[in-house]
Amino acid sequence: MCEMLQVAANDGAVLRYVCKGSKGPPVVLIHGWSASHRSFDLNLDVLSQRCVVYAPDLRFHGESDKPAWGFHVARLAADLHALLGAWELDAPTIVGTSLGCAIIWSYVELYGCSGIGKCVFVDQAPSQWRLPDWTLGSKGIYDAQSLENIQAALRGGMATFADGNAQCCLTKPVPEALLQTLSAETQKCDPEQLAKLMADHAPKDWRPLLPRLSCPC
């Protein structure tokens, strides 16, 4: 495991991250809701052979602070702005997975694409909600009722939720040790904080923003 470093956000919350690799272009990995930088355990070793890789724990996740405020995608985008400012990277490639994609979209809405080299979006529809003109939303959280269902699951016990959540987030088999790590990382989160953050994230429709992505994606 890599040593965790830290940056303070503009509201004082401490954001922790790992950095691996000594040469090559910078790559930033943004994990999804209820996860941590450990989601990229199988990626860090490979990528760091050719890149300098930064992988933060989002606010409310992993080893980063879990304050009693800030349950908004825009707050996490401001955290990303603080991290990028501290790192002073040259045209990084930013990879978002799930909620990480929405954080990048919010970042672009607030700060533009200046300073970003490229973006990669993994496993996130620009609108999770199923709408009259949109049928490509999330398979799991796609309307108010399904949002309430996952919030109830969170409150029903984090251990059970975490085990099921880890399985749902995978499309290919992974080592049992990694599966246990993913579950353990989810259990570091507070269920009420996750519920509030998902309530902000899930209904957002980022489709109008996509034409503003001026960097290669």
Protein backbone atom coordinates (compact mmCIF):
# COMPACT_ATOMS: atom_id res chain seq x y z
CA MET A 1 0.00 0.00 0.00
CA CYS A 2 1.12 3.55 -0.76
CA GLU A 3 1.63 6.23 1.86
CA MET A 4 -1.36 8.56 2.06
CA LEU A 5 -0.73 12.26 1.56
CA GLN A 6 -3.18 15.09 2.18
CA VAL A 7 -4.53 18.42 0.95
CA ALA A 8 -6.93 20.71 2.83
CA ALA A 9 -10.04 21.85 0.98
CA ASN A 10 -11.15 25.48 1.17
CA ASP A 11 -13.56 24.66 4.01
CA GLY A 12 -10.87 22.93 6.07
CA ALA A 13 -11.80 19.33 5.29
CA VAL A 14 -8.72 17.15 4.82
CA LEU A 15 -8.62 15.16 1.59
CA ARG A 16 -6.25 12.20 1.52
CA TYR A 17 -4.75 10.59 -1.56
CA VAL A 18 -2.05 8.30 -2.86
CA CYS A 19 0.47 9.07 -5.58
CA LYS A 20 2.33 6.33 -7.40
CA GLY A 21 4.85 6.49 -10.24
CA SER A 22 7.89 8.68 -10.84
CA LYS A 23 7.76 9.52 -14.53
CA GLY A 24 5.32 9.93 -17.37
CA PRO A 25 2.13 11.93 -17.88
CA PRO A 26 -0.12 12.62 -14.88
CA VAL A 27 -3.30 10.62 -14.44
CA VAL A 28 -5.96 11.31 -11.80
CA LEU A 29 -8.35 8.50 -10.80
CA ILE A 30 -11.67 9.58 -9.23
CA HIS A 31 -13.57 6.72 -7.59
CA GLY A 32 -17.31 6.33 -7.26
CA TRP A 33 -19.92 6.66 -4.52
CA SER A 34 -19.29 4.50 -1.44
CA ALA A 35 -15.82 3.45 -2.66
CA SER A 36 -12.26 4.74 -2.17
CA HIS A 37 -8.92 4.85 -3.96
CA ARG A 38 -8.66 1.12 -3.19
CA SER A 39 -11.07 0.55 -6.08
CA PHE A 40 -8.03 1.05 -8.29
CA ASP A 41 -5.78 -1.51 -6.60
CA LEU A 42 -5.52 -3.52 -9.82
CA ASN A 43 -4.84 -0.40 -11.91
CA LEU A 44 -2.28 1.52 -9.88
CA ASP A 45 0.64 -0.86 -10.32
CA VAL A 46 0.19 -1.08 -14.09
CA LEU A 47 -0.50 2.61 -14.74
CA SER A 48 2.33 3.79 -12.50
CA GLN A 49 4.86 2.01 -14.70
CA ARG A 50 4.25 4.65 -17.38
CA CYS A 51 2.40 7.46 -15.60
CA VAL A 52 2.36 9.42 -12.36
CA VAL A 53 -0.96 8.39 -10.86
CA TYR A 54 -2.96 10.33 -8.25
CA ALA A 55 -5.90 8.62 -6.56
CA PRO A 56 -7.77 10.58 -3.86
CA ASP A 57 -10.38 9.42 -1.39
CA LEU A 58 -13.41 11.64 -1.88
CA ARG A 59 -14.83 13.57 1.06
CA PHE A 60 -17.01 11.21 3.14
CA HIS A 61 -15.04 8.22 1.80
CA GLY A 62 -11.99 6.18 2.73
CA GLU A 63 -9.46 8.07 4.83
CA SER A 64 -10.63 11.57 3.90
CA ASP A 65 -12.56 13.71 6.37
CA LYS A 66 -16.27 13.14 6.85
CA PRO A 67 -17.66 16.52 7.94
CA ALA A 68 -21.31 17.15 8.76
CA TRP A 69 -21.83 19.30 5.66
CA GLY A 70 -21.16 19.34 1.94
CA PHE A 71 -23.37 16.55 0.58
CA HIS A 72 -23.32 17.92 -2.96
CA VAL A 73 -21.58 16.94 -6.17
CA ALA A 74 -20.50 20.58 -6.54
CA ARG A 75 -18.74 20.41 -3.16
CA LEU A 76 -16.77 17.39 -4.37
CA ALA A 77 -15.94 19.28 -7.57
CA ALA A 78 -14.55 22.10 -5.43
CA ASP A 79 -12.47 19.49 -3.62
CA LEU A 80 -11.11 18.29 -6.97
CA HIS A 81 -10.23 21.90 -7.76
CA ALA A 82 -8.28 22.11 -4.49
CA LEU A 83 -6.44 18.88 -5.24
CA LEU A 84 -5.49 19.88 -8.77
CA GLY A 85 -4.34 23.27 -7.51
CA ALA A 86 -2.11 21.65 -4.92
CA TRP A 87 -0.68 19.11 -7.33
CA GLU A 88 0.06 21.65 -10.09
CA LEU A 89 -0.16 19.02 -12.82
CA ASP A 90 0.52 19.64 -16.49
CA ALA A 91 -2.58 18.72 -18.52
CA PRO A 92 -3.59 15.64 -16.53
CA THR A 93 -5.86 12.93 -17.81
CA ILE A 94 -8.73 12.70 -15.33
CA VAL A 95 -10.58 9.40 -15.11
CA GLY A 96 -13.96 9.37 -13.40
CA THR A 97 -15.84 6.22 -12.46
CA SER A 98 -19.54 6.42 -11.58
CA LEU A 99 -19.98 9.44 -9.27
CA GLY A 100 -16.46 10.44 -10.31
CA CYS A 101 -17.84 11.29 -13.76
CA ALA A 102 -20.42 13.65 -12.28
CA ILE A 103 -17.68 15.31 -10.22
CA ILE A 104 -15.73 16.03 -13.41
CA TRP A 105 -18.85 17.39 -15.13
CA SER A 106 -19.54 19.63 -12.16
CA TYR A 107 -15.90 20.74 -12.16
CA VAL A 108 -16.17 21.74 -15.83
CA GLU A 109 -19.43 23.59 -15.12
CA LEU A 110 -17.74 25.58 -12.34
CA TYR A 111 -14.18 26.00 -13.61
CA GLY A 112 -14.09 25.06 -17.28
CA CYS A 113 -11.67 22.67 -18.98
CA SER A 114 -8.60 24.87 -18.64
CA GLY A 115 -5.73 22.83 -17.26
CA ILE A 116 -7.31 19.46 -18.06
CA GLY A 117 -5.60 17.40 -20.72
CA LYS A 118 -8.16 14.67 -21.28
CA CYS A 119 -11.15 13.10 -19.53
CA VAL A 120 -12.27 9.50 -19.36
CA PHE A 121 -15.80 8.66 -18.18
CA VAL A 122 -16.57 5.16 -16.90
CA ASP A 123 -19.92 3.65 -15.93
CA GLN A 124 -22.07 6.76 -15.47
CA ALA A 125 -24.99 8.00 -17.55
CA PRO A 126 -25.22 11.80 -17.85
CA SER A 127 -28.72 11.39 -16.43
CA GLN A 128 -29.35 8.56 -13.96
CA TRP A 129 -33.06 9.29 -13.94
CA ARG A 130 -35.24 7.70 -16.61
CA LEU A 131 -37.01 10.58 -18.31
CA PRO A 132 -39.57 10.93 -21.11
CA ASP A 133 -36.75 11.70 -23.55
CA TRP A 134 -34.12 9.48 -21.93
CA THR A 135 -34.15 5.72 -21.36
CA LEU A 136 -30.42 5.18 -20.78
CA GLY A 137 -30.38 5.94 -17.07
CA SER A 138 -29.02 3.87 -14.23
CA LYS A 139 -30.15 0.27 -13.92
CA GLY A 140 -30.31 0.54 -10.14
CA ILE A 141 -31.16 4.11 -9.09
CA TYR A 142 -33.34 5.71 -11.74
CA ASP A 143 -36.26 7.42 -9.97
CA ALA A 144 -37.41 8.66 -6.57
CA GLN A 145 -38.59 5.23 -5.43
CA SER A 146 -35.34 3.45 -6.30
CA LEU A 147 -33.44 6.22 -4.51
CA GLU A 148 -35.54 5.62 -1.40
CA ASN A 149 -34.86 1.89 -1.72
CA ILE A 150 -31.08 2.26 -1.66
CA GLN A 151 -31.29 4.74 1.21
CA ALA A 152 -33.32 2.16 3.16
CA ALA A 153 -30.73 -0.51 2.32
CA LEU A 154 -27.98 1.72 3.69
CA ARG A 155 -29.86 2.18 6.94
CA GLY A 156 -30.55 -1.55 7.18
CA GLY A 157 -26.93 -2.40 7.95
CA MET A 158 -23.69 -1.35 6.29
CA ALA A 159 -22.06 -4.79 6.32
CA THR A 160 -24.84 -6.38 4.30
CA PHE A 161 -25.12 -3.37 2.02
CA ALA A 162 -21.37 -3.24 1.43
CA ASP A 163 -21.12 -6.89 0.42
CA GLY A 164 -23.94 -6.57 -2.09
CA ASN A 165 -22.71 -3.23 -3.37
CA ALA A 166 -19.26 -4.62 -4.12
CA GLN A 167 -20.78 -7.41 -6.20
CA CYS A 168 -23.08 -5.03 -8.08
CA CYS A 169 -20.20 -2.75 -9.07
CA LEU A 170 -18.22 -5.52 -10.78
CA THR A 171 -18.59 -6.92 -14.28
CA LYS A 172 -15.69 -9.39 -14.13
CA PRO A 173 -14.40 -11.73 -11.42
CA VAL A 174 -11.79 -10.27 -9.07
CA PRO A 175 -9.66 -11.88 -6.37
CA GLU A 176 -11.55 -12.58 -3.14
CA ALA A 177 -9.10 -10.39 -1.23
CA LEU A 178 -10.01 -7.40 -3.39
CA LEU A 179 -13.71 -8.10 -2.98
CA GLN A 180 -13.23 -8.03 0.78
CA THR A 181 -11.25 -4.78 0.49
CA LEU A 182 -14.03 -3.12 -1.51
CA SER A 183 -16.59 -4.15 1.10
CA ALA A 184 -14.38 -2.92 3.95
CA GLU A 185 -13.86 0.44 2.26
CA THR A 186 -17.61 0.95 1.86
CA GLN A 187 -18.06 0.19 5.56
CA LYS A 188 -15.78 3.13 6.39
CA CYS A 189 -18.54 5.42 5.12
CA ASP A 190 -21.42 6.73 7.20
CA PRO A 191 -24.76 5.47 5.82
CA GLU A 192 -26.59 8.76 6.39
CA GLN A 193 -23.85 10.69 4.62
CA LEU A 194 -23.98 8.32 1.67
CA ALA A 195 -27.77 8.62 1.56
CA LYS A 196 -27.61 12.42 1.47
CA LEU A 197 -24.90 12.46 -1.17
CA MET A 198 -26.79 10.06 -3.43
CA ALA A 199 -29.92 12.20 -3.06
CA ASP A 200 -27.98 15.10 -4.58
CA HIS A 201 -26.19 13.04 -7.21
CA ALA A 202 -28.87 10.76 -8.63
CA PRO A 203 -31.44 13.27 -10.01
CA LYS A 204 -28.91 15.48 -11.81
CA ASP A 205 -29.06 15.74 -15.59
CA TRP A 206 -25.66 16.63 -17.04
CA ARG A 207 -26.62 16.27 -20.70
CA PRO A 208 -26.74 20.04 -21.41
CA LEU A 209 -23.18 20.35 -20.11
CA LEU A 210 -21.59 17.77 -22.39
CA PRO A 211 -21.07 20.13 -25.38
CA ARG A 212 -18.91 22.30 -23.10
CA LEU A 213 -16.33 19.56 -22.75
CA SER A 214 -13.67 21.14 -24.93
CA CYS A 215 -10.90 18.70 -23.98
CA PRO A 216 -10.57 15.27 -25.61
CA CYS A 217 -12.87 12.75 -23.93
